[in-house]
Amino acid sequence: MRGAAIIAAGLLLPAAAGAQTSLSSTIYRCERGVEIAASFIGAAGSSVAVIQVEGRQVTLLQEPAASGARYGWPSDGAGYVFWTKGAEATVSWRNGAGGEPVTLYAACRAG
């Protein structure tokens, strides 16, 4: 909870300085009938995704990606990874430092 408050405060600072802040939301429909609500907040070169997955609200920071937009949490390496490209998305779980992400939900489409 505290981490989310810090992120929110960080996003408000650029807005107060006159920078543009953007907000968009969508529902992704995935395999097995799973729906993932996602909100994207962007300000001054940074972006945050807040997703509803597995009964939790998860805040993720944008990470470097070769293609599309990838969001994760900079911790010990464990946590959700949300990767979008166009209208498609994938949700994975990264299990510790250096661990390869395991796909939880694939074939997610915005709509």
PDB file of N, CA and C in Angstrom:
ATOM      1  N   MET A   1       0.820  -1.181   0.000  1.00  0.00           N
ATOM      2  CA  MET A   1       0.000   0.000   0.000  1.00  0.00           C
ATOM      3  C   MET A   1       0.868   1.250   0.000  1.00  0.00           C
ATOM      4  N   ARG A   2       1.934   1.227   0.790  1.00  0.00           N
ATOM      5  CA  ARG A   2       2.809   2.380   0.871  1.00  0.00           C
ATOM      6  C   ARG A   2       3.478   2.651  -0.470  1.00  0.00           C
ATOM      7  N   GLY A   3       3.888   1.570  -1.180  1.00  0.00           N
ATOM      8  CA  GLY A   3       4.517   1.729  -2.488  1.00  0.00           C
ATOM      9  C   GLY A   3       3.593   2.419  -3.472  1.00  0.00           C
ATOM     10  N   ALA A   4       2.310   2.072  -3.446  1.00  0.00           N
ATOM     11  CA  ALA A   4       1.342   2.700  -4.345  1.00  0.00           C
ATOM     12  C   ALA A   4       1.213   4.184  -4.031  1.00  0.00           C
ATOM     13  N   ALA A   5       1.246   4.536  -2.755  1.00  0.00           N
ATOM     14  CA  ALA A   5       1.149   5.944  -2.371  1.00  0.00           C
ATOM     15  C   ALA A   5       2.364   6.720  -2.849  1.00  0.00           C
ATOM     16  N   ILE A   6       3.534   6.111  -2.785  1.00  0.00           N
ATOM     17  CA  ILE A   6       4.752   6.772  -3.253  1.00  0.00           C
ATOM     18  C   ILE A   6       4.684   6.989  -4.758  1.00  0.00           C
ATOM     19  N   ILE A   7       4.221   5.987  -5.488  1.00  0.00           N
ATOM     20  CA  ILE A   7       4.096   6.117  -6.938  1.00  0.00           C
ATOM     21  C   ILE A   7       3.107   7.218  -7.282  1.00  0.00           C
ATOM     22  N   ALA A   8       1.956   7.225  -6.614  1.00  0.00           N
ATOM     23  CA  ALA A   8       0.948   8.248  -6.876  1.00  0.00           C
ATOM     24  C   ALA A   8       1.515   9.637  -6.613  1.00  0.00           C
ATOM     25  N   ALA A   9       2.253   9.784  -5.534  1.00  0.00           N
ATOM     26  CA  ALA A   9       2.859  11.079  -5.224  1.00  0.00           C
ATOM     27  C   ALA A   9       3.859  11.471  -6.298  1.00  0.00           C
ATOM     28  N   GLY A  10       4.626  10.510  -6.780  1.00  0.00           N
ATOM     29  CA  GLY A  10       5.595  10.784  -7.835  1.00  0.00           C
ATOM     30  C   GLY A  10       4.933  11.236  -9.119  1.00  0.00           C
ATOM     31  N   LEU A  11       3.758  10.714  -9.411  1.00  0.00           N
ATOM     32  CA  LEU A  11       3.044  11.126 -10.616  1.00  0.00           C
ATOM     33  C   LEU A  11       2.435  12.511 -10.469  1.00  0.00           C
ATOM     34  N   LEU A  12       2.092  12.902  -9.266  1.00  0.00           N
ATOM     35  CA  LEU A  12       1.495  14.214  -9.055  1.00  0.00           C
ATOM     36  C   LEU A  12       2.513  15.333  -9.183  1.00  0.00           C
ATOM     37  N   LEU A  13       3.764  15.076  -8.853  1.00  0.00           N
ATOM     38  CA  LEU A  13       4.781  16.120  -8.921  1.00  0.00           C
ATOM     39  C   LEU A  13       4.940  16.694 -10.323  1.00  0.00           C
ATOM     40  N   PRO A  14       5.098  15.867 -11.376  1.00  0.00           N
ATOM     41  CA  PRO A  14       5.202  16.452 -12.708  1.00  0.00           C
ATOM     42  C   PRO A  14       3.939  17.209 -13.104  1.00  0.00           C
ATOM     43  N   ALA A  15       2.771  16.722 -12.677  1.00  0.00           N
ATOM     44  CA  ALA A  15       1.525  17.406 -13.014  1.00  0.00           C
ATOM     45  C   ALA A  15       1.491  18.790 -12.392  1.00  0.00           C
ATOM     46  N   ALA A  16       1.985  18.901 -11.162  1.00  0.00           N
ATOM     47  CA  ALA A  16       1.996  20.189 -10.487  1.00  0.00           C
ATOM     48  C   ALA A  16       2.938  21.164 -11.178  1.00  0.00           C
ATOM     49  N   ALA A  17       3.966  20.653 -11.827  1.00  0.00           N
ATOM     50  CA  ALA A  17       4.929  21.508 -12.514  1.00  0.00           C
ATOM     51  C   ALA A  17       4.460  21.873 -13.920  1.00  0.00           C
ATOM     52  N   GLY A  18       3.243  21.470 -14.301  1.00  0.00           N
ATOM     53  CA  GLY A  18       2.704  21.837 -15.597  1.00  0.00           C
ATOM     54  C   GLY A  18       2.818  20.752 -16.650  1.00  0.00           C
ATOM     55  N   ALA A  19       3.348  19.591 -16.308  1.00  0.00           N
ATOM     56  CA  ALA A  19       3.463  18.496 -17.270  1.00  0.00           C
ATOM     57  C   ALA A  19       2.095  17.861 -17.496  1.00  0.00           C
ATOM     58  N   GLN A  20       1.908  17.295 -18.668  1.00  0.00           N
ATOM     59  CA  GLN A  20       0.662  16.612 -18.993  1.00  0.00           C
ATOM     60  C   GLN A  20       0.622  15.236 -18.337  1.00  0.00           C
ATOM     61  N   THR A  21      -0.519  14.878 -17.795  1.00  0.00           N
ATOM     62  CA  THR A  21      -0.741  13.549 -17.235  1.00  0.00           C
ATOM     63  C   THR A  21      -1.859  12.903 -18.030  1.00  0.00           C
ATOM     64  N   SER A  22      -1.659  11.639 -18.411  1.00  0.00           N
ATOM     65  CA  SER A  22      -2.691  10.941 -19.173  1.00  0.00           C
ATOM     66  C   SER A  22      -3.216   9.755 -18.370  1.00  0.00           C
ATOM     67  N   LEU A  23      -4.472   9.411 -18.610  1.00  0.00           N
ATOM     68  CA  LEU A  23      -5.105   8.274 -17.953  1.00  0.00           C
ATOM     69  C   LEU A  23      -5.984   7.566 -18.972  1.00  0.00           C
ATOM     70  N   SER A  24      -5.817   6.259 -19.075  1.00  0.00           N
ATOM     71  CA  SER A  24      -6.703   5.465 -19.926  1.00  0.00           C
ATOM     72  C   SER A  24      -6.967   4.135 -19.235  1.00  0.00           C
ATOM     73  N   SER A  25      -8.118   3.559 -19.512  1.00  0.00           N
ATOM     74  CA  SER A  25      -8.496   2.281 -18.913  1.00  0.00           C
ATOM     75  C   SER A  25      -9.109   1.385 -19.970  1.00  0.00           C
ATOM     76  N   THR A  26      -8.924   0.085 -19.802  1.00  0.00           N
ATOM     77  CA  THR A  26      -9.532  -0.886 -20.708  1.00  0.00           C
ATOM     78  C   THR A  26      -9.688  -2.220 -19.992  1.00  0.00           C
ATOM     79  N   ILE A  27     -10.497  -3.068 -20.558  1.00  0.00           N
ATOM     80  CA  ILE A  27     -10.670  -4.438 -20.073  1.00  0.00           C
ATOM     81  C   ILE A  27     -10.052  -5.363 -21.112  1.00  0.00           C
ATOM     82  N   TYR A  28      -9.185  -6.250 -20.672  1.00  0.00           N
ATOM     83  CA  TYR A  28      -8.605  -7.271 -21.546  1.00  0.00           C
ATOM     84  C   TYR A  28      -9.325  -8.584 -21.284  1.00  0.00           C
ATOM     85  N   ARG A  29      -9.778  -9.230 -22.348  1.00  0.00           N
ATOM     86  CA  ARG A  29     -10.429 -10.536 -22.247  1.00  0.00           C
ATOM     87  C   ARG A  29      -9.425 -11.594 -22.681  1.00  0.00           C
ATOM     88  N   CYS A  30      -9.141 -12.511 -21.763  1.00  0.00           N
ATOM     89  CA  CYS A  30      -8.084 -13.494 -21.972  1.00  0.00           C
ATOM     90  C   CYS A  30      -8.665 -14.889 -22.169  1.00  0.00           C
ATOM     91  N   GLU A  31      -7.761 -15.828 -22.404  1.00  0.00           N
ATOM     92  CA  GLU A  31      -8.156 -17.229 -22.515  1.00  0.00           C
ATOM     93  C   GLU A  31      -8.890 -17.663 -21.253  1.00  0.00           C
ATOM     94  N   ARG A  32      -9.655 -18.701 -21.348  1.00  0.00           N
ATOM     95  CA  ARG A  32     -10.421 -19.269 -20.233  1.00  0.00           C
ATOM     96  C   ARG A  32     -11.437 -18.283 -19.655  1.00  0.00           C
ATOM     97  N   GLY A  33     -11.794 -17.230 -20.414  1.00  0.00           N
ATOM     98  CA  GLY A  33     -12.815 -16.286 -19.973  1.00  0.00           C
ATOM     99  C   GLY A  33     -12.374 -15.303 -18.902  1.00  0.00           C
ATOM    100  N   VAL A  34     -11.086 -15.194 -18.642  1.00  0.00           N
ATOM    101  CA  VAL A  34     -10.575 -14.282 -17.617  1.00  0.00           C
ATOM    102  C   VAL A  34     -10.590 -12.849 -18.149  1.00  0.00           C
ATOM    103  N   GLU A  35     -11.064 -11.921 -17.325  1.00  0.00           N
ATOM    104  CA  GLU A  35     -11.028 -10.499 -17.666  1.00  0.00           C
ATOM    105  C   GLU A  35     -10.067  -9.777 -16.738  1.00  0.00           C
ATOM    106  N   ILE A  36      -9.239  -8.914 -17.318  1.00  0.00           N
ATOM    107  CA  ILE A  36      -8.274  -8.136 -16.546  1.00  0.00           C
ATOM    108  C   ILE A  36      -8.516  -6.663 -16.839  1.00  0.00           C
ATOM    109  N   ALA A  37      -8.907  -5.929 -15.798  1.00  0.00           N
ATOM    110  CA  ALA A  37      -9.082  -4.483 -15.928  1.00  0.00           C
ATOM    111  C   ALA A  37      -7.711  -3.831 -15.782  1.00  0.00           C
ATOM    112  N   ALA A  38      -7.419  -2.879 -16.658  1.00  0.00           N
ATOM    113  CA  ALA A  38      -6.124  -2.201 -16.614  1.00  0.00           C
ATOM    114  C   ALA A  38      -6.320  -0.700 -16.782  1.00  0.00           C
ATOM    115  N   SER A  39      -5.625   0.066 -15.952  1.00  0.00           N
ATOM    116  CA  SER A  39      -5.583   1.522 -16.078  1.00  0.00           C
ATOM    117  C   SER A  39      -4.130   1.922 -16.259  1.00  0.00           C
ATOM    118  N   PHE A  40      -3.905   2.857 -17.162  1.00  0.00           N
ATOM    119  CA  PHE A  40      -2.555   3.315 -17.475  1.00  0.00           C
ATOM    120  C   PHE A  40      -2.460   4.797 -17.157  1.00  0.00           C
ATOM    121  N   ILE A  41      -1.450   5.172 -16.380  1.00  0.00           N
ATOM    122  CA  ILE A  41      -1.233   6.559 -15.994  1.00  0.00           C
ATOM    123  C   ILE A  41       0.153   6.952 -16.489  1.00  0.00           C
ATOM    124  N   GLY A  42       0.231   8.032 -17.234  1.00  0.00           N
ATOM    125  CA  GLY A  42       1.511   8.481 -17.758  1.00  0.00           C
ATOM    126  C   GLY A  42       1.748   9.942 -17.442  1.00  0.00           C
ATOM    127  N   ALA A  43       2.993  10.275 -17.096  1.00  0.00           N
ATOM    128  CA  ALA A  43       3.368  11.662 -16.823  1.00  0.00           C
ATOM    129  C   ALA A  43       4.873  11.811 -16.966  1.00  0.00           C
ATOM    130  N   ALA A  44       5.295  12.831 -17.675  1.00  0.00           N
ATOM    131  CA  ALA A  44       6.706  13.225 -17.769  1.00  0.00           C
ATOM    132  C   ALA A  44       7.649  12.053 -18.008  1.00  0.00           C
ATOM    133  N   GLY A  45       7.349  11.234 -19.004  1.00  0.00           N
ATOM    134  CA  GLY A  45       8.250  10.156 -19.373  1.00  0.00           C
ATOM    135  C   GLY A  45       8.158   8.901 -18.531  1.00  0.00           C
ATOM    136  N   SER A  46       7.258   8.859 -17.557  1.00  0.00           N
ATOM    137  CA  SER A  46       7.083   7.641 -16.768  1.00  0.00           C
ATOM    138  C   SER A  46       5.657   7.139 -16.952  1.00  0.00           C
ATOM    139  N   SER A  47       5.478   5.847 -16.765  1.00  0.00           N
ATOM    140  CA  SER A  47       4.160   5.259 -16.944  1.00  0.00           C
ATOM    141  C   SER A  47       3.940   4.175 -15.904  1.00  0.00           C
ATOM    142  N   VAL A  48       2.706   4.066 -15.448  1.00  0.00           N
ATOM    143  CA  VAL A  48       2.315   3.079 -14.448  1.00  0.00           C
ATOM    144  C   VAL A  48       1.073   2.366 -14.961  1.00  0.00           C
ATOM    145  N   ALA A  49       1.000   1.057 -14.729  1.00  0.00           N
ATOM    146  CA  ALA A  49      -0.214   0.292 -15.024  1.00  0.00           C
ATOM    147  C   ALA A  49      -0.755  -0.243 -13.705  1.00  0.00           C
ATOM    148  N   VAL A  50      -2.051  -0.121 -13.516  1.00  0.00           N
ATOM    149  CA  VAL A  50      -2.725  -0.703 -12.358  1.00  0.00           C
ATOM    150  C   VAL A  50      -3.676  -1.747 -12.921  1.00  0.00           C
ATOM    151  N   ILE A  51      -3.441  -3.018 -12.564  1.00  0.00           N
ATOM    152  CA  ILE A  51      -4.267  -4.096 -13.110  1.00  0.00           C
ATOM    153  C   ILE A  51      -4.999  -4.831 -11.993  1.00  0.00           C
ATOM    154  N   GLN A  52      -6.133  -5.406 -12.352  1.00  0.00           N
ATOM    155  CA  GLN A  52      -6.896  -6.276 -11.458  1.00  0.00           C
ATOM    156  C   GLN A  52      -6.648  -7.696 -11.942  1.00  0.00           C
ATOM    157  N   VAL A  53      -5.927  -8.487 -11.149  1.00  0.00           N
ATOM    158  CA  VAL A  53      -5.593  -9.849 -11.560  1.00  0.00           C
ATOM    159  C   VAL A  53      -5.640 -10.766 -10.343  1.00  0.00           C
ATOM    160  N   GLU A  54      -6.253 -11.914 -10.510  1.00  0.00           N
ATOM    161  CA  GLU A  54      -6.354 -12.924  -9.453  1.00  0.00           C
ATOM    162  C   GLU A  54      -6.885 -12.339  -8.145  1.00  0.00           C
ATOM    163  N   GLY A  55      -7.890 -11.475  -8.255  1.00  0.00           N
ATOM    164  CA  GLY A  55      -8.519 -10.894  -7.075  1.00  0.00           C
ATOM    165  C   GLY A  55      -7.715  -9.808  -6.387  1.00  0.00           C
ATOM    166  N   ARG A  56      -6.660  -9.328  -7.029  1.00  0.00           N
ATOM    167  CA  ARG A  56      -5.804  -8.295  -6.433  1.00  0.00           C
ATOM    168  C   ARG A  56      -5.714  -7.088  -7.349  1.00  0.00           C
ATOM    169  N   GLN A  57      -5.481  -5.937  -6.738  1.00  0.00           N
ATOM    170  CA  GLN A  57      -5.135  -4.743  -7.501  1.00  0.00           C
ATOM    171  C   GLN A  57      -3.629  -4.593  -7.409  1.00  0.00           C
ATOM    172  N   VAL A  58      -2.963  -4.578  -8.562  1.00  0.00           N
ATOM    173  CA  VAL A  58      -1.505  -4.586  -8.604  1.00  0.00           C
ATOM    174  C   VAL A  58      -1.017  -3.360  -9.373  1.00  0.00           C
ATOM    175  N   THR A  59      -0.087  -2.613  -8.784  1.00  0.00           N
ATOM    176  CA  THR A  59       0.520  -1.454  -9.434  1.00  0.00           C
ATOM    177  C   THR A  59       1.872  -1.866  -9.996  1.00  0.00           C
ATOM    178  N   LEU A  60       2.093  -1.583 -11.283  1.00  0.00           N
ATOM    179  CA  LEU A  60       3.325  -1.978 -11.960  1.00  0.00           C
ATOM    180  C   LEU A  60       3.940  -0.777 -12.668  1.00  0.00           C
ATOM    181  N   LEU A  61       5.264  -0.697 -12.656  1.00  0.00           N
ATOM    182  CA  LEU A  61       5.989   0.384 -13.322  1.00  0.00           C
ATOM    183  C   LEU A  61       6.440  -0.067 -14.704  1.00  0.00           C
ATOM    184  N   GLN A  62       6.483   0.867 -15.647  1.00  0.00           N
ATOM    185  CA  GLN A  62       6.934   0.518 -16.988  1.00  0.00           C
ATOM    186  C   GLN A  62       8.406   0.131 -16.950  1.00  0.00           C
ATOM    187  N   GLU A  63       8.736  -0.940 -17.674  1.00  0.00           N
ATOM    188  CA  GLU A  63      10.099  -1.454 -17.774  1.00  0.00           C
ATOM    189  C   GLU A  63      10.540  -1.385 -19.230  1.00  0.00           C
ATOM    190  N   PRO A  64      11.846  -1.442 -19.482  1.00  0.00           N
ATOM    191  CA  PRO A  64      12.307  -1.456 -20.873  1.00  0.00           C
ATOM    192  C   PRO A  64      11.754  -2.672 -21.622  1.00  0.00           C
ATOM    193  N   ALA A  65      11.351  -2.454 -22.867  1.00  0.00           N
ATOM    194  CA  ALA A  65      10.826  -3.537 -23.706  1.00  0.00           C
ATOM    195  C   ALA A  65      11.281  -3.305 -25.137  1.00  0.00           C
ATOM    196  N   ALA A  66      11.640  -4.380 -25.817  1.00  0.00           N
ATOM    197  CA  ALA A  66      12.056  -4.269 -27.210  1.00  0.00           C
ATOM    198  C   ALA A  66      10.871  -3.922 -28.105  1.00  0.00           C
ATOM    199  N   SER A  67       9.680  -4.368 -27.705  1.00  0.00           N
ATOM    200  CA  SER A  67       8.485  -4.124 -28.500  1.00  0.00           C
ATOM    201  C   SER A  67       7.285  -4.046 -27.565  1.00  0.00           C
ATOM    202  N   GLY A  68       6.389  -3.109 -27.795  1.00  0.00           N
ATOM    203  CA  GLY A  68       5.224  -2.950 -26.935  1.00  0.00           C
ATOM    204  C   GLY A  68       5.592  -2.243 -25.642  1.00  0.00           C
ATOM    205  N   ALA A  69       4.762  -2.430 -24.629  1.00  0.00           N
ATOM    206  CA  ALA A  69       5.001  -1.823 -23.316  1.00  0.00           C
ATOM    207  C   ALA A  69       4.961  -2.921 -22.264  1.00  0.00           C
ATOM    208  N   ARG A  70       5.987  -2.988 -21.443  1.00  0.00           N
ATOM    209  CA  ARG A  70       6.069  -4.006 -20.398  1.00  0.00           C
ATOM    210  C   ARG A  70       6.076  -3.313 -19.041  1.00  0.00           C
ATOM    211  N   TYR A  71       5.312  -3.882 -18.103  1.00  0.00           N
ATOM    212  CA  TYR A  71       5.197  -3.326 -16.762  1.00  0.00           C
ATOM    213  C   TYR A  71       5.534  -4.409 -15.747  1.00  0.00           C
ATOM    214  N   GLY A  72       6.260  -4.043 -14.708  1.00  0.00           N
ATOM    215  CA  GLY A  72       6.614  -4.980 -13.646  1.00  0.00           C
ATOM    216  C   GLY A  72       6.879  -4.198 -12.372  1.00  0.00           C
ATOM    217  N   TRP A  73       7.307  -4.905 -11.340  1.00  0.00           N
ATOM    218  CA  TRP A  73       7.600  -4.242 -10.075  1.00  0.00           C
ATOM    219  C   TRP A  73       9.067  -4.446  -9.746  1.00  0.00           C
ATOM    220  N   PRO A  74       9.821  -3.359  -9.527  1.00  0.00           N
ATOM    221  CA  PRO A  74      11.261  -3.472  -9.251  1.00  0.00           C
ATOM    222  C   PRO A  74      11.519  -3.912  -7.810  1.00  0.00           C
ATOM    223  N   SER A  75      11.455  -5.210  -7.583  1.00  0.00           N
ATOM    224  CA  SER A  75      11.679  -5.744  -6.238  1.00  0.00           C
ATOM    225  C   SER A  75      12.817  -6.744  -6.318  1.00  0.00           C
ATOM    226  N   ASP A  76      12.696  -7.826  -5.603  1.00  0.00           N
ATOM    227  CA  ASP A  76      13.707  -8.877  -5.663  1.00  0.00           C
ATOM    228  C   ASP A  76      13.590  -9.685  -6.945  1.00  0.00           C
ATOM    229  N   GLY A  77      12.692  -9.275  -7.815  1.00  0.00           N
ATOM    230  CA  GLY A  77      12.496  -9.980  -9.076  1.00  0.00           C
ATOM    231  C   GLY A  77      11.217 -10.786  -9.117  1.00  0.00           C
ATOM    232  N   ALA A  78      10.573 -11.009  -7.973  1.00  0.00           N
ATOM    233  CA  ALA A  78       9.324 -11.765  -7.952  1.00  0.00           C
ATOM    234  C   ALA A  78       8.157 -10.814  -8.171  1.00  0.00           C
ATOM    235  N   GLY A  79       7.197 -11.225  -8.980  1.00  0.00           N
ATOM    236  CA  GLY A  79       6.012 -10.402  -9.166  1.00  0.00           C
ATOM    237  C   GLY A  79       5.407 -10.564 -10.540  1.00  0.00           C
ATOM    238  N   TYR A  80       4.306  -9.860 -10.740  1.00  0.00           N
ATOM    239  CA  TYR A  80       3.598  -9.909 -12.013  1.00  0.00           C
ATOM    240  C   TYR A  80       4.339  -9.115 -13.076  1.00  0.00           C
ATOM    241  N   VAL A  81       4.182  -9.561 -14.323  1.00  0.00           N
ATOM    242  CA  VAL A  81       4.661  -8.833 -15.487  1.00  0.00           C
ATOM    243  C   VAL A  81       3.467  -8.713 -16.429  1.00  0.00           C
ATOM    244  N   PHE A  82       3.165  -7.492 -16.848  1.00  0.00           N
ATOM    245  CA  PHE A  82       2.048  -7.224 -17.750  1.00  0.00           C
ATOM    246  C   PHE A  82       2.642  -6.625 -19.009  1.00  0.00           C
ATOM    247  N   TRP A  83       2.460  -7.304 -20.138  1.00  0.00           N
ATOM    248  CA  TRP A  83       3.086  -6.889 -21.386  1.00  0.00           C
ATOM    249  C   TRP A  83       2.002  -6.645 -22.413  1.00  0.00           C
ATOM    250  N   THR A  84       1.975  -5.438 -22.969  1.00  0.00           N
ATOM    251  CA  THR A  84       0.986  -5.105 -23.985  1.00  0.00           C
ATOM    252  C   THR A  84       1.677  -4.766 -25.299  1.00  0.00           C
ATOM    253  N   LYS A  85       0.997  -5.084 -26.382  1.00  0.00           N
ATOM    254  CA  LYS A  85       1.449  -4.679 -27.715  1.00  0.00           C
ATOM    255  C   LYS A  85       0.200  -4.508 -28.558  1.00  0.00           C
ATOM    256  N   GLY A  86      -0.079  -3.272 -28.924  1.00  0.00           N
ATOM    257  CA  GLY A  86      -1.319  -2.992 -29.635  1.00  0.00           C
ATOM    258  C   GLY A  86      -2.499  -3.329 -28.739  1.00  0.00           C
ATOM    259  N   ALA A  87      -3.438  -4.115 -29.252  1.00  0.00           N
ATOM    260  CA  ALA A  87      -4.632  -4.484 -28.484  1.00  0.00           C
ATOM    261  C   ALA A  87      -4.453  -5.797 -27.726  1.00  0.00           C
ATOM    262  N   GLU A  88      -3.253  -6.378 -27.742  1.00  0.00           N
ATOM    263  CA  GLU A  88      -3.015  -7.664 -27.096  1.00  0.00           C
ATOM    264  C   GLU A  88      -2.182  -7.502 -25.828  1.00  0.00           C
ATOM    265  N   ALA A  89      -2.367  -8.434 -24.884  1.00  0.00           N
ATOM    266  CA  ALA A  89      -1.612  -8.395 -23.630  1.00  0.00           C
ATOM    267  C   ALA A  89      -1.356  -9.808 -23.126  1.00  0.00           C
ATOM    268  N   THR A  90      -0.340  -9.923 -22.291  1.00  0.00           N
ATOM    269  CA  THR A  90       0.010 -11.171 -21.618  1.00  0.00           C
ATOM    270  C   THR A  90       0.305 -10.846 -20.160  1.00  0.00           C
ATOM    271  N   VAL A  91      -0.131 -11.713 -19.255  1.00  0.00           N
ATOM    272  CA  VAL A  91       0.181 -11.565 -17.831  1.00  0.00           C
ATOM    273  C   VAL A  91       1.028 -12.760 -17.429  1.00  0.00           C
ATOM    274  N   SER A  92       2.172 -12.473 -16.812  1.00  0.00           N
ATOM    275  CA  SER A  92       3.097 -13.522 -16.377  1.00  0.00           C
ATOM    276  C   SER A  92       3.455 -13.316 -14.917  1.00  0.00           C
ATOM    277  N   TRP A  93       4.076 -14.338 -14.331  1.00  0.00           N
ATOM    278  CA  TRP A  93       4.605 -14.255 -12.971  1.00  0.00           C
ATOM    279  C   TRP A  93       6.096 -14.520 -13.046  1.00  0.00           C
ATOM    280  N   ARG A  94       6.879 -13.594 -12.505  1.00  0.00           N
ATOM    281  CA  ARG A  94       8.329 -13.727 -12.453  1.00  0.00           C
ATOM    282  C   ARG A  94       8.671 -14.193 -11.042  1.00  0.00           C
ATOM    283  N   ASN A  95       9.327 -15.336 -10.928  1.00  0.00           N
ATOM    284  CA  ASN A  95       9.584 -15.949  -9.627  1.00  0.00           C
ATOM    285  C   ASN A  95      11.029 -15.738  -9.192  1.00  0.00           C
ATOM    286  N   GLY A  96      11.326 -14.577  -8.652  1.00  0.00           N
ATOM    287  CA  GLY A  96      12.655 -14.299  -8.114  1.00  0.00           C
ATOM    288  C   GLY A  96      13.623 -13.761  -9.137  1.00  0.00           C
ATOM    289  N   ALA A  97      14.758 -13.296  -8.640  1.00  0.00           N
ATOM    290  CA  ALA A  97      15.789 -12.690  -9.475  1.00  0.00           C
ATOM    291  C   ALA A  97      16.307 -13.688 -10.498  1.00  0.00           C
ATOM    292  N   GLY A  98      16.343 -13.268 -11.735  1.00  0.00           N
ATOM    293  CA  GLY A  98      16.870 -14.106 -12.800  1.00  0.00           C
ATOM    294  C   GLY A  98      15.918 -15.175 -13.292  1.00  0.00           C
ATOM    295  N   GLY A  99      14.772 -15.312 -12.648  1.00  0.00           N
ATOM    296  CA  GLY A  99      13.813 -16.325 -13.066  1.00  0.00           C
ATOM    297  C   GLY A  99      13.069 -15.896 -14.316  1.00  0.00           C
ATOM    298  N   GLU A 100      12.840 -16.838 -15.207  1.00  0.00           N
ATOM    299  CA  GLU A 100      12.074 -16.550 -16.412  1.00  0.00           C
ATOM    300  C   GLU A 100      10.596 -16.433 -16.053  1.00  0.00           C
ATOM    301  N   PRO A 101       9.895 -15.458 -16.629  1.00  0.00           N
ATOM    302  CA  PRO A 101       8.464 -15.326 -16.355  1.00  0.00           C
ATOM    303  C   PRO A 101       7.675 -16.545 -16.846  1.00  0.00           C
ATOM    304  N   VAL A 102       6.679 -16.945 -16.061  1.00  0.00           N
ATOM    305  CA  VAL A 102       5.771 -18.033 -16.419  1.00  0.00           C
ATOM    306  C   VAL A 102       4.449 -17.386 -16.819  1.00  0.00           C
ATOM    307  N   THR A 103       3.963 -17.682 -18.014  1.00  0.00           N
ATOM    308  CA  THR A 103       2.728 -17.072 -18.504  1.00  0.00           C
ATOM    309  C   THR A 103       1.529 -17.582 -17.715  1.00  0.00           C
ATOM    310  N   LEU A 104       0.753 -16.646 -17.165  1.00  0.00           N
ATOM    311  CA  LEU A 104      -0.485 -16.978 -16.460  1.00  0.00           C
ATOM    312  C   LEU A 104      -1.685 -16.847 -17.392  1.00  0.00           C
ATOM    313  N   TYR A 105      -1.725 -15.744 -18.151  1.00  0.00           N
ATOM    314  CA  TYR A 105      -2.831 -15.484 -19.071  1.00  0.00           C
ATOM    315  C   TYR A 105      -2.256 -14.969 -20.383  1.00  0.00           C
ATOM    316  N   ALA A 106      -2.608 -15.642 -21.465  1.00  0.00           N
ATOM    317  CA  ALA A 106      -2.150 -15.239 -22.792  1.00  0.00           C
ATOM    318  C   ALA A 106      -3.373 -14.934 -23.652  1.00  0.00           C
ATOM    319  N   ALA A 107      -3.112 -14.484 -24.845  1.00  0.00           N
ATOM    320  CA  ALA A 107      -4.174 -14.202 -25.809  1.00  0.00           C
ATOM    321  C   ALA A 107      -5.214 -13.239 -25.242  1.00  0.00           C
ATOM    322  N   CYS A 108      -4.765 -12.250 -24.468  1.00  0.00           N
ATOM    323  CA  CYS A 108      -5.671 -11.238 -23.923  1.00  0.00           C
ATOM    324  C   CYS A 108      -5.857 -10.149 -24.979  1.00  0.00           C
ATOM    325  N   ARG A 109      -7.105  -9.739 -25.187  1.00  0.00           N
ATOM    326  CA  ARG A 109      -7.406  -8.705 -26.177  1.00  0.00           C
ATOM    327  C   ARG A 109      -8.225  -7.599 -25.540  1.00  0.00           C
ATOM    328  N   ALA A 110      -7.832  -6.367 -25.829  1.00  0.00           N
ATOM    329  CA  ALA A 110      -8.586  -5.212 -25.341  1.00  0.00           C
ATOM    330  C   ALA A 110      -9.927  -5.168 -26.052  1.00  0.00           C
ATOM    331  N   GLY A 111     -10.935  -4.765 -25.317  1.00  0.00           N
ATOM    332  CA  GLY A 111     -12.229  -4.674 -25.992  1.00  0.00           C
ATOM    333  C   GLY A 111     -13.369  -4.396 -25.113  1.00  0.00           C
TER     334      GLY A 111
END
